[in-house]
Amino acid sequence: MPRPCLHFHLADFVRPGEAYHFAQTELTAGNAARYHDHDFHELFWVTRGRGEHLLNGRTEPLSAGRLFLIQPKDRHHVTGSDAAPLGILNLAFPTRSWAEVRRRYFAREPDLYERSPADRGWPLDARAQGALERWALRLATTAGRPRVVLDGFLMELPQLLHGPVHGTKPVPEWLEQARSALAGPEQFAGGTVSLARLAGRSPSHVARAAVRYYGQTPTMLVNAARMEFSARQLSETARPIVEIALDCGLNNLSHFYALFRKRFGVSPRRYRVQAHPTVRG
């Protein structure tokens, strides 16, 4: 008798405006999801423990250091072990997102998701596991789970699984140097224009590279640099908050407060009190 199969919908897992679903799960023999297919692309990787993966009628043992690509038409479920619970990280996203990223960035490369089911389980070396740890943090913590973060991850996926495509480096030196140089008031006022100037590339070139290698837009990179600068100023000096905001190139104090709270979870004043209780501003 055929095994009963549920059908999952991405709309049941993502909130309005979100581009993806990301979750960290610990599975035992008793809490596995039912056998299912779905209307979205999916991938998951194993961080610890032992278990089994049933994919299209074929069962494979699971252990740490493996990543699996799942098509919408696949039928599968994952179970863990009571003795060694299985830790997995799972990413689900619209099928069209994968199609659009492939078309823009590696249309001539074979589609990883079109491999046979037996060939869509990948061993992860130390380099790939380290990169996935960094992406997991970004995917889990970026507010609103935007498309730009998903696109950045998907663009790096072929490199994670079988090395750089056409010999490209993980991060171009010019981009890393520009990001490092974007660290003070003399650069902040120009915003993304300053970033492009420091990079010596056109704004559109910088924008594509920022998304591909960092999973962030140029605006996000600039604002991150502004907030790191402001945090240091708040913890190390007694300068008024409005002066620090102006140094960041932000004339709107409300906008500065909103960016700071989004980055650190507290207001600038609260951050200052927590970092250095004897300083007030």
C-alpha atoms as a PDB file:
ATOM      1  CA  MET A   1       0.000   0.000   0.000  1.00  0.00           C
ATOM      2  CA  PRO A   2       1.385   3.463  -0.927  1.00  0.00           C
ATOM      3  CA  ARG A   3       2.577   5.544   1.996  1.00  0.00           C
ATOM      4  CA  PRO A   4       0.199   8.493   2.773  1.00  0.00           C
ATOM      5  CA  CYS A   5       1.747  11.782   1.670  1.00  0.00           C
ATOM      6  CA  LEU A   6       0.926  15.292   2.890  1.00  0.00           C
ATOM      7  CA  HIS A   7       1.350  18.431   0.761  1.00  0.00           C
ATOM      8  CA  PHE A   8       2.972  21.462   2.404  1.00  0.00           C
ATOM      9  CA  HIS A   9       2.519  25.065   1.209  1.00  0.00           C
ATOM     10  CA  LEU A  10       5.170  27.738   1.656  1.00  0.00           C
ATOM     11  CA  ALA A  11       2.461  30.276   2.483  1.00  0.00           C
ATOM     12  CA  ASP A  12       1.819  28.356   5.695  1.00  0.00           C
ATOM     13  CA  PHE A  13       5.394  28.962   6.894  1.00  0.00           C
ATOM     14  CA  VAL A  14       6.300  32.522   5.830  1.00  0.00           C
ATOM     15  CA  ARG A  15       4.766  35.782   6.978  1.00  0.00           C
ATOM     16  CA  PRO A  16       3.607  38.449   4.509  1.00  0.00           C
ATOM     17  CA  GLY A  17       6.611  40.167   2.958  1.00  0.00           C
ATOM     18  CA  GLU A  18       9.110  37.452   3.904  1.00  0.00           C
ATOM     19  CA  ALA A  19      11.120  35.796   1.118  1.00  0.00           C
ATOM     20  CA  TYR A  20      11.944  32.514   2.856  1.00  0.00           C
ATOM     21  CA  HIS A  21      11.434  30.235   5.843  1.00  0.00           C
ATOM     22  CA  PHE A  22      14.427  29.270   7.964  1.00  0.00           C
ATOM     23  CA  ALA A  23      14.406  27.054  11.030  1.00  0.00           C
ATOM     24  CA  GLN A  24      16.692  25.095  13.326  1.00  0.00           C
ATOM     25  CA  THR A  25      15.208  21.825  14.526  1.00  0.00           C
ATOM     26  CA  GLU A  26      16.162  18.931  16.775  1.00  0.00           C
ATOM     27  CA  LEU A  27      14.573  15.658  15.671  1.00  0.00           C
ATOM     28  CA  THR A  28      14.126  12.384  17.508  1.00  0.00           C
ATOM     29  CA  ALA A  29      12.255   9.243  16.553  1.00  0.00           C
ATOM     30  CA  GLY A  30       9.058  10.715  17.942  1.00  0.00           C
ATOM     31  CA  ASN A  31       8.818  14.225  16.478  1.00  0.00           C
ATOM     32  CA  ALA A  32       9.605  13.831  12.766  1.00  0.00           C
ATOM     33  CA  ALA A  33       7.418  15.548  10.187  1.00  0.00           C
ATOM     34  CA  ARG A  34       5.029  13.346   8.251  1.00  0.00           C
ATOM     35  CA  TYR A  35       5.994  12.033   4.803  1.00  0.00           C
ATOM     36  CA  HIS A  36       5.287  14.965   2.464  1.00  0.00           C
ATOM     37  CA  ASP A  37       5.930  16.907  -0.708  1.00  0.00           C
ATOM     38  CA  HIS A  38       5.498  20.671  -1.136  1.00  0.00           C
ATOM     39  CA  ASP A  39       5.114  23.633  -3.495  1.00  0.00           C
ATOM     40  CA  PHE A  40       8.587  25.140  -2.834  1.00  0.00           C
ATOM     41  CA  HIS A  41      12.295  24.450  -3.108  1.00  0.00           C
ATOM     42  CA  GLU A  42      14.016  23.309   0.054  1.00  0.00           C
ATOM     43  CA  LEU A  43      17.414  22.415   1.422  1.00  0.00           C
ATOM     44  CA  PHE A  44      18.634  21.266   4.800  1.00  0.00           C
ATOM     45  CA  TRP A  45      21.939  20.383   6.383  1.00  0.00           C
ATOM     46  CA  VAL A  46      22.806  18.254   9.393  1.00  0.00           C
ATOM     47  CA  THR A  47      24.833  19.773  12.225  1.00  0.00           C
ATOM     48  CA  ARG A  48      24.883  16.927  14.759  1.00  0.00           C
ATOM     49  CA  GLY A  49      23.386  13.587  15.772  1.00  0.00           C
ATOM     50  CA  ARG A  50      22.117  10.639  13.747  1.00  0.00           C
ATOM     51  CA  GLY A  51      18.974   9.850  11.818  1.00  0.00           C
ATOM     52  CA  GLU A  52      17.462   8.754   8.527  1.00  0.00           C
ATOM     53  CA  HIS A  53      16.194  10.482   5.400  1.00  0.00           C
ATOM     54  CA  LEU A  54      13.435   8.813   3.388  1.00  0.00           C
ATOM     55  CA  LEU A  55      13.443  10.382  -0.098  1.00  0.00           C
ATOM     56  CA  ASN A  56      11.166   9.083  -2.857  1.00  0.00           C
ATOM     57  CA  GLY A  57      11.054   5.638  -1.280  1.00  0.00           C
ATOM     58  CA  ARG A  58      14.815   5.400  -0.659  1.00  0.00           C
ATOM     59  CA  THR A  59      16.175   5.527   2.907  1.00  0.00           C
ATOM     60  CA  GLU A  60      19.634   6.933   3.675  1.00  0.00           C
ATOM     61  CA  PRO A  61      21.381   7.298   7.058  1.00  0.00           C
ATOM     62  CA  LEU A  62      22.076  10.858   8.221  1.00  0.00           C
ATOM     63  CA  SER A  63      24.977  12.260  10.177  1.00  0.00           C
ATOM     64  CA  ALA A  64      26.616  15.651  10.685  1.00  0.00           C
ATOM     65  CA  GLY A  65      28.212  17.359   7.705  1.00  0.00           C
ATOM     66  CA  ARG A  66      25.694  16.576   4.977  1.00  0.00           C
ATOM     67  CA  LEU A  67      23.433  18.897   2.948  1.00  0.00           C
ATOM     68  CA  PHE A  68      20.417  17.852   0.890  1.00  0.00           C
ATOM     69  CA  LEU A  69      18.554  19.609  -1.937  1.00  0.00           C
ATOM     70  CA  ILE A  70      14.828  18.882  -2.175  1.00  0.00           C
ATOM     71  CA  GLN A  71      12.588  19.599  -5.183  1.00  0.00           C
ATOM     72  CA  PRO A  72       8.873  20.365  -4.846  1.00  0.00           C
ATOM     73  CA  LYS A  73       7.956  17.026  -6.434  1.00  0.00           C
ATOM     74  CA  ASP A  74      10.131  15.031  -4.014  1.00  0.00           C
ATOM     75  CA  ARG A  75       8.421  13.046  -1.287  1.00  0.00           C
ATOM     76  CA  HIS A  76      10.449  12.772   1.875  1.00  0.00           C
ATOM     77  CA  HIS A  77      10.749  12.985   5.634  1.00  0.00           C
ATOM     78  CA  VAL A  78      13.574  13.117   8.150  1.00  0.00           C
ATOM     79  CA  THR A  79      13.717  11.272  11.457  1.00  0.00           C
ATOM     80  CA  GLY A  80      16.228  11.503  14.276  1.00  0.00           C
ATOM     81  CA  SER A  81      17.559   9.210  16.951  1.00  0.00           C
ATOM     82  CA  ASP A  82      16.465   9.263  20.581  1.00  0.00           C
ATOM     83  CA  ALA A  83      20.023   8.374  21.610  1.00  0.00           C
ATOM     84  CA  ALA A  84      21.627  11.087  19.443  1.00  0.00           C
ATOM     85  CA  PRO A  85      19.007  13.694  18.435  1.00  0.00           C
ATOM     86  CA  LEU A  86      19.463  15.029  14.933  1.00  0.00           C
ATOM     87  CA  GLY A  87      20.180  18.748  14.578  1.00  0.00           C
ATOM     88  CA  ILE A  88      19.211  20.192  11.200  1.00  0.00           C
ATOM     89  CA  LEU A  89      18.946  23.651   9.657  1.00  0.00           C
ATOM     90  CA  ASN A  90      16.235  24.011   7.045  1.00  0.00           C
ATOM     91  CA  LEU A  91      15.662  26.636   4.341  1.00  0.00           C
ATOM     92  CA  ALA A  92      12.476  26.793   2.253  1.00  0.00           C
ATOM     93  CA  PHE A  93      11.915  29.337  -0.513  1.00  0.00           C
ATOM     94  CA  PRO A  94       9.870  29.921  -3.688  1.00  0.00           C
ATOM     95  CA  THR A  95      10.856  27.847  -6.696  1.00  0.00           C
ATOM     96  CA  ARG A  96      10.866  31.008  -8.821  1.00  0.00           C
ATOM     97  CA  SER A  97      13.587  32.526  -6.612  1.00  0.00           C
ATOM     98  CA  TRP A  98      15.976  29.711  -7.501  1.00  0.00           C
ATOM     99  CA  ALA A  99      15.053  29.986 -11.194  1.00  0.00           C
ATOM    100  CA  GLU A 100      15.687  33.745 -11.228  1.00  0.00           C
ATOM    101  CA  VAL A 101      19.055  33.489  -9.463  1.00  0.00           C
ATOM    102  CA  ARG A 102      20.199  30.727 -11.821  1.00  0.00           C
ATOM    103  CA  ARG A 103      19.155  32.725 -14.883  1.00  0.00           C
ATOM    104  CA  ARG A 104      21.019  35.837 -13.742  1.00  0.00           C
ATOM    105  CA  TYR A 105      24.225  34.342 -12.352  1.00  0.00           C
ATOM    106  CA  PHE A 106      24.949  30.797 -13.512  1.00  0.00           C
ATOM    107  CA  ALA A 107      22.547  29.847 -16.278  1.00  0.00           C
ATOM    108  CA  ARG A 108      25.262  27.842 -18.071  1.00  0.00           C
ATOM    109  CA  GLU A 109      25.981  25.706 -15.026  1.00  0.00           C
ATOM    110  CA  PRO A 110      24.070  22.449 -14.457  1.00  0.00           C
ATOM    111  CA  ASP A 111      21.040  22.877 -12.208  1.00  0.00           C
ATOM    112  CA  LEU A 112      21.942  21.379  -8.828  1.00  0.00           C
ATOM    113  CA  TYR A 113      18.282  20.606  -8.158  1.00  0.00           C
ATOM    114  CA  GLU A 114      17.925  18.611 -11.393  1.00  0.00           C
ATOM    115  CA  ARG A 115      20.405  15.952 -10.352  1.00  0.00           C
ATOM    116  CA  SER A 116      19.039  12.535  -9.492  1.00  0.00           C
ATOM    117  CA  PRO A 117      17.756  12.233  -5.903  1.00  0.00           C
ATOM    118  CA  ALA A 118      20.678   9.987  -4.984  1.00  0.00           C
ATOM    119  CA  ASP A 119      23.099  12.730  -6.099  1.00  0.00           C
ATOM    120  CA  ARG A 120      21.482  15.621  -4.228  1.00  0.00           C
ATOM    121  CA  GLY A 121      23.089  14.801  -0.894  1.00  0.00           C
ATOM    122  CA  TRP A 122      26.389  16.645  -0.495  1.00  0.00           C
ATOM    123  CA  PRO A 123      29.270  16.116   1.954  1.00  0.00           C
ATOM    124  CA  LEU A 124      30.411  19.394   3.505  1.00  0.00           C
ATOM    125  CA  ASP A 125      34.076  20.140   4.066  1.00  0.00           C
ATOM    126  CA  ALA A 126      35.297  22.489   6.810  1.00  0.00           C
ATOM    127  CA  ARG A 127      35.209  25.472   4.436  1.00  0.00           C
ATOM    128  CA  ALA A 128      31.577  24.850   3.505  1.00  0.00           C
ATOM    129  CA  GLN A 129      30.511  24.190   7.097  1.00  0.00           C
ATOM    130  CA  GLY A 130      32.084  27.454   8.239  1.00  0.00           C
ATOM    131  CA  ALA A 131      30.364  29.389   5.477  1.00  0.00           C
ATOM    132  CA  LEU A 132      27.025  27.750   6.287  1.00  0.00           C
ATOM    133  CA  GLU A 133      27.374  28.736   9.949  1.00  0.00           C
ATOM    134  CA  ARG A 134      27.770  32.366   8.907  1.00  0.00           C
ATOM    135  CA  TRP A 135      24.847  32.164   6.495  1.00  0.00           C
ATOM    136  CA  ALA A 136      22.666  30.477   9.111  1.00  0.00           C
ATOM    137  CA  LEU A 137      23.157  33.439  11.439  1.00  0.00           C
ATOM    138  CA  ARG A 138      22.319  35.887   8.652  1.00  0.00           C
ATOM    139  CA  LEU A 139      19.281  33.936   7.455  1.00  0.00           C
ATOM    140  CA  ALA A 140      17.948  33.574  10.991  1.00  0.00           C
ATOM    141  CA  THR A 141      18.490  37.097  12.298  1.00  0.00           C
ATOM    142  CA  THR A 142      17.944  39.502   9.384  1.00  0.00           C
ATOM    143  CA  ALA A 143      14.720  41.365  10.119  1.00  0.00           C
ATOM    144  CA  GLY A 144      11.899  40.651   7.689  1.00  0.00           C
ATOM    145  CA  ARG A 145      13.809  37.804   6.016  1.00  0.00           C
ATOM    146  CA  PRO A 146      14.222  39.802   2.790  1.00  0.00           C
ATOM    147  CA  ARG A 147      14.832  38.593  -0.744  1.00  0.00           C
ATOM    148  CA  VAL A 148      18.308  40.112  -0.850  1.00  0.00           C
ATOM    149  CA  VAL A 149      19.559  37.724   1.866  1.00  0.00           C
ATOM    150  CA  LEU A 150      18.020  34.717   0.125  1.00  0.00           C
ATOM    151  CA  ASP A 151      19.561  35.733  -3.205  1.00  0.00           C
ATOM    152  CA  GLY A 152      22.977  36.142  -1.608  1.00  0.00           C
ATOM    153  CA  PHE A 153      22.819  32.648  -0.145  1.00  0.00           C
ATOM    154  CA  LEU A 154      21.574  31.026  -3.361  1.00  0.00           C
ATOM    155  CA  MET A 155      24.280  32.742  -5.403  1.00  0.00           C
ATOM    156  CA  GLU A 156      26.928  31.219  -3.133  1.00  0.00           C
ATOM    157  CA  LEU A 157      25.357  27.762  -2.995  1.00  0.00           C
ATOM    158  CA  PRO A 158      27.256  26.261  -5.976  1.00  0.00           C
ATOM    159  CA  GLN A 159      30.549  27.427  -4.459  1.00  0.00           C
ATOM    160  CA  LEU A 160      29.626  25.925  -1.101  1.00  0.00           C
ATOM    161  CA  LEU A 161      28.913  22.542  -2.639  1.00  0.00           C
ATOM    162  CA  HIS A 162      31.662  22.089  -5.195  1.00  0.00           C
ATOM    163  CA  GLY A 163      34.021  25.050  -5.043  1.00  0.00           C
ATOM    164  CA  PRO A 164      34.077  28.381  -6.881  1.00  0.00           C
ATOM    165  CA  VAL A 165      32.286  28.562 -10.217  1.00  0.00           C
ATOM    166  CA  HIS A 166      34.785  29.355 -12.998  1.00  0.00           C
ATOM    167  CA  GLY A 167      37.518  29.980 -10.392  1.00  0.00           C
ATOM    168  CA  THR A 168      35.930  33.000  -8.735  1.00  0.00           C
ATOM    169  CA  LYS A 169      37.188  33.984  -5.273  1.00  0.00           C
ATOM    170  CA  PRO A 170      34.845  33.897  -2.257  1.00  0.00           C
ATOM    171  CA  VAL A 171      35.062  37.713  -1.882  1.00  0.00           C
ATOM    172  CA  PRO A 172      36.887  39.984  -4.358  1.00  0.00           C
ATOM    173  CA  GLU A 173      39.758  41.883  -2.751  1.00  0.00           C
ATOM    174  CA  TRP A 174      38.497  45.223  -4.084  1.00  0.00           C
ATOM    175  CA  LEU A 175      35.130  44.706  -2.412  1.00  0.00           C
ATOM    176  CA  GLU A 176      36.584  43.679   0.930  1.00  0.00           C
ATOM    177  CA  GLN A 177      38.962  46.650   0.902  1.00  0.00           C
ATOM    178  CA  ALA A 178      36.135  49.065   0.081  1.00  0.00           C
ATOM    179  CA  ARG A 179      34.021  47.656   2.883  1.00  0.00           C
ATOM    180  CA  SER A 180      36.900  48.001   5.354  1.00  0.00           C
ATOM    181  CA  ALA A 181      37.623  51.575   4.239  1.00  0.00           C
ATOM    182  CA  LEU A 182      34.008  52.560   4.821  1.00  0.00           C
ATOM    183  CA  ALA A 183      34.580  53.141   8.510  1.00  0.00           C
ATOM    184  CA  GLY A 184      34.442  56.817   9.395  1.00  0.00           C
ATOM    185  CA  PRO A 185      32.533  60.103   9.123  1.00  0.00           C
ATOM    186  CA  GLU A 186      34.532  61.172   6.080  1.00  0.00           C
ATOM    187  CA  GLN A 187      32.920  58.319   4.108  1.00  0.00           C
ATOM    188  CA  PHE A 188      29.478  58.055   5.708  1.00  0.00           C
ATOM    189  CA  ALA A 189      28.038  61.271   4.276  1.00  0.00           C
ATOM    190  CA  GLY A 190      28.395  59.911   0.733  1.00  0.00           C
ATOM    191  CA  GLY A 191      26.586  56.693   1.569  1.00  0.00           C
ATOM    192  CA  THR A 192      26.531  54.151  -1.254  1.00  0.00           C
ATOM    193  CA  VAL A 193      28.267  56.630  -3.572  1.00  0.00           C
ATOM    194  CA  SER A 194      31.273  56.561  -1.242  1.00  0.00           C
ATOM    195  CA  LEU A 195      31.261  52.756  -1.277  1.00  0.00           C
ATOM    196  CA  ALA A 196      31.320  52.677  -5.083  1.00  0.00           C
ATOM    197  CA  ARG A 197      34.099  55.279  -5.181  1.00  0.00           C
ATOM    198  CA  LEU A 198      36.191  53.321  -2.680  1.00  0.00           C
ATOM    199  CA  ALA A 199      35.630  50.166  -4.709  1.00  0.00           C
ATOM    200  CA  GLY A 200      36.582  51.830  -7.972  1.00  0.00           C
ATOM    201  CA  ARG A 201      33.576  50.231  -9.662  1.00  0.00           C
ATOM    202  CA  SER A 202      30.205  51.419 -10.912  1.00  0.00           C
ATOM    203  CA  PRO A 203      27.343  51.518  -8.369  1.00  0.00           C
ATOM    204  CA  SER A 204      25.502  48.748 -10.244  1.00  0.00           C
ATOM    205  CA  HIS A 205      28.618  46.532 -10.251  1.00  0.00           C
ATOM    206  CA  VAL A 206      29.098  47.089  -6.524  1.00  0.00           C
ATOM    207  CA  ALA A 207      25.418  46.356  -5.880  1.00  0.00           C
ATOM    208  CA  ARG A 208      25.567  43.002  -7.675  1.00  0.00           C
ATOM    209  CA  ALA A 209      28.772  42.007  -5.890  1.00  0.00           C
ATOM    210  CA  ALA A 210      27.484  43.074  -2.467  1.00  0.00           C
ATOM    211  CA  VAL A 211      24.412  40.873  -2.839  1.00  0.00           C
ATOM    212  CA  ARG A 212      26.375  37.955  -4.233  1.00  0.00           C
ATOM    213  CA  TYR A 213      29.184  37.867  -1.678  1.00  0.00           C
ATOM    214  CA  TYR A 214      27.633  39.393   1.452  1.00  0.00           C
ATOM    215  CA  GLY A 215      23.904  38.844   0.949  1.00  0.00           C
ATOM    216  CA  GLN A 216      23.384  42.572   1.563  1.00  0.00           C
ATOM    217  CA  THR A 217      22.656  45.644  -0.535  1.00  0.00           C
ATOM    218  CA  PRO A 218      25.159  48.540  -0.562  1.00  0.00           C
ATOM    219  CA  THR A 219      22.749  50.504   1.652  1.00  0.00           C
ATOM    220  CA  MET A 220      22.772  47.669   4.184  1.00  0.00           C
ATOM    221  CA  LEU A 221      26.608  47.594   4.160  1.00  0.00           C
ATOM    222  CA  VAL A 222      26.816  51.359   4.667  1.00  0.00           C
ATOM    223  CA  ASN A 223      24.279  51.342   7.486  1.00  0.00           C
ATOM    224  CA  ALA A 224      26.066  48.448   9.185  1.00  0.00           C
ATOM    225  CA  ALA A 225      29.319  50.446   9.114  1.00  0.00           C
ATOM    226  CA  ARG A 226      27.504  53.508  10.465  1.00  0.00           C
ATOM    227  CA  MET A 227      26.016  51.534  13.347  1.00  0.00           C
ATOM    228  CA  GLU A 228      29.343  49.897  14.266  1.00  0.00           C
ATOM    229  CA  PHE A 229      30.947  53.344  14.352  1.00  0.00           C
ATOM    230  CA  SER A 230      28.135  54.787  16.451  1.00  0.00           C
ATOM    231  CA  ALA A 231      28.305  51.873  18.906  1.00  0.00           C
ATOM    232  CA  ARG A 232      32.016  52.514  19.467  1.00  0.00           C
ATOM    233  CA  GLN A 233      31.369  56.213  19.978  1.00  0.00           C
ATOM    234  CA  LEU A 234      28.591  55.533  22.459  1.00  0.00           C
ATOM    235  CA  SER A 235      30.650  53.107  24.517  1.00  0.00           C
ATOM    236  CA  GLU A 236      33.972  54.975  24.402  1.00  0.00           C
ATOM    237  CA  THR A 237      33.015  58.665  24.525  1.00  0.00           C
ATOM    238  CA  ALA A 238      30.545  61.036  26.168  1.00  0.00           C
ATOM    239  CA  ARG A 239      29.689  62.821  22.908  1.00  0.00           C
ATOM    240  CA  PRO A 240      26.009  63.779  22.471  1.00  0.00           C
ATOM    241  CA  ILE A 241      23.994  61.235  20.514  1.00  0.00           C
ATOM    242  CA  VAL A 242      22.898  63.847  17.981  1.00  0.00           C
ATOM    243  CA  GLU A 243      26.549  64.566  17.110  1.00  0.00           C
ATOM    244  CA  ILE A 244      27.236  60.888  16.587  1.00  0.00           C
ATOM    245  CA  ALA A 245      24.202  60.610  14.303  1.00  0.00           C
ATOM    246  CA  LEU A 246      25.456  63.544  12.232  1.00  0.00           C
ATOM    247  CA  ASP A 247      28.894  61.926  11.964  1.00  0.00           C
ATOM    248  CA  CYS A 248      27.134  58.886  10.549  1.00  0.00           C
ATOM    249  CA  GLY A 249      25.740  61.044   7.771  1.00  0.00           C
ATOM    250  CA  LEU A 250      22.215  60.812   9.192  1.00  0.00           C
ATOM    251  CA  ASN A 251      20.421  64.130   9.699  1.00  0.00           C
ATOM    252  CA  ASN A 252      17.187  62.468  10.778  1.00  0.00           C
ATOM    253  CA  LEU A 253      17.598  61.470  14.422  1.00  0.00           C
ATOM    254  CA  SER A 254      14.507  59.247  14.353  1.00  0.00           C
ATOM    255  CA  HIS A 255      15.976  57.306  11.424  1.00  0.00           C
ATOM    256  CA  PHE A 256      19.273  56.937  13.286  1.00  0.00           C
ATOM    257  CA  TYR A 257      17.436  55.576  16.340  1.00  0.00           C
ATOM    258  CA  ALA A 258      15.486  53.128  14.177  1.00  0.00           C
ATOM    259  CA  LEU A 259      18.627  51.805  12.471  1.00  0.00           C
ATOM    260  CA  PHE A 260      20.463  51.479  15.777  1.00  0.00           C
ATOM    261  CA  ARG A 261      17.627  49.643  17.494  1.00  0.00           C
ATOM    262  CA  LYS A 262      17.286  47.280  14.534  1.00  0.00           C
ATOM    263  CA  ARG A 263      21.016  46.477  14.692  1.00  0.00           C
ATOM    264  CA  PHE A 264      21.493  46.201  18.474  1.00  0.00           C
ATOM    265  CA  GLY A 265      17.991  45.675  19.872  1.00  0.00           C
ATOM    266  CA  VAL A 266      18.146  48.687  22.213  1.00  0.00           C
ATOM    267  CA  SER A 267      18.139  52.467  21.883  1.00  0.00           C
ATOM    268  CA  PRO A 268      21.467  54.344  21.572  1.00  0.00           C
ATOM    269  CA  ARG A 269      21.061  55.748  25.079  1.00  0.00           C
ATOM    270  CA  ARG A 270      20.346  52.333  26.557  1.00  0.00           C
ATOM    271  CA  TYR A 271      23.327  50.870  24.724  1.00  0.00           C
ATOM    272  CA  ARG A 272      25.561  53.578  26.220  1.00  0.00           C
ATOM    273  CA  VAL A 273      24.304  52.904  29.745  1.00  0.00           C
ATOM    274  CA  GLN A 274      24.855  49.167  29.375  1.00  0.00           C
ATOM    275  CA  ALA A 275      28.322  49.549  27.828  1.00  0.00           C
ATOM    276  CA  HIS A 276      29.636  52.195  30.208  1.00  0.00           C
ATOM    277  CA  PRO A 277      27.342  53.021  33.132  1.00  0.00           C
ATOM    278  CA  THR A 278      29.331  56.110  34.137  1.00  0.00           C
ATOM    279  CA  VAL A 279      28.775  57.806  30.777  1.00  0.00           C
ATOM    280  CA  ARG A 280      25.587  59.680  30.024  1.00  0.00           C
ATOM    281  CA  GLY A 281      24.360  61.323  26.800  1.00  0.00           C
END
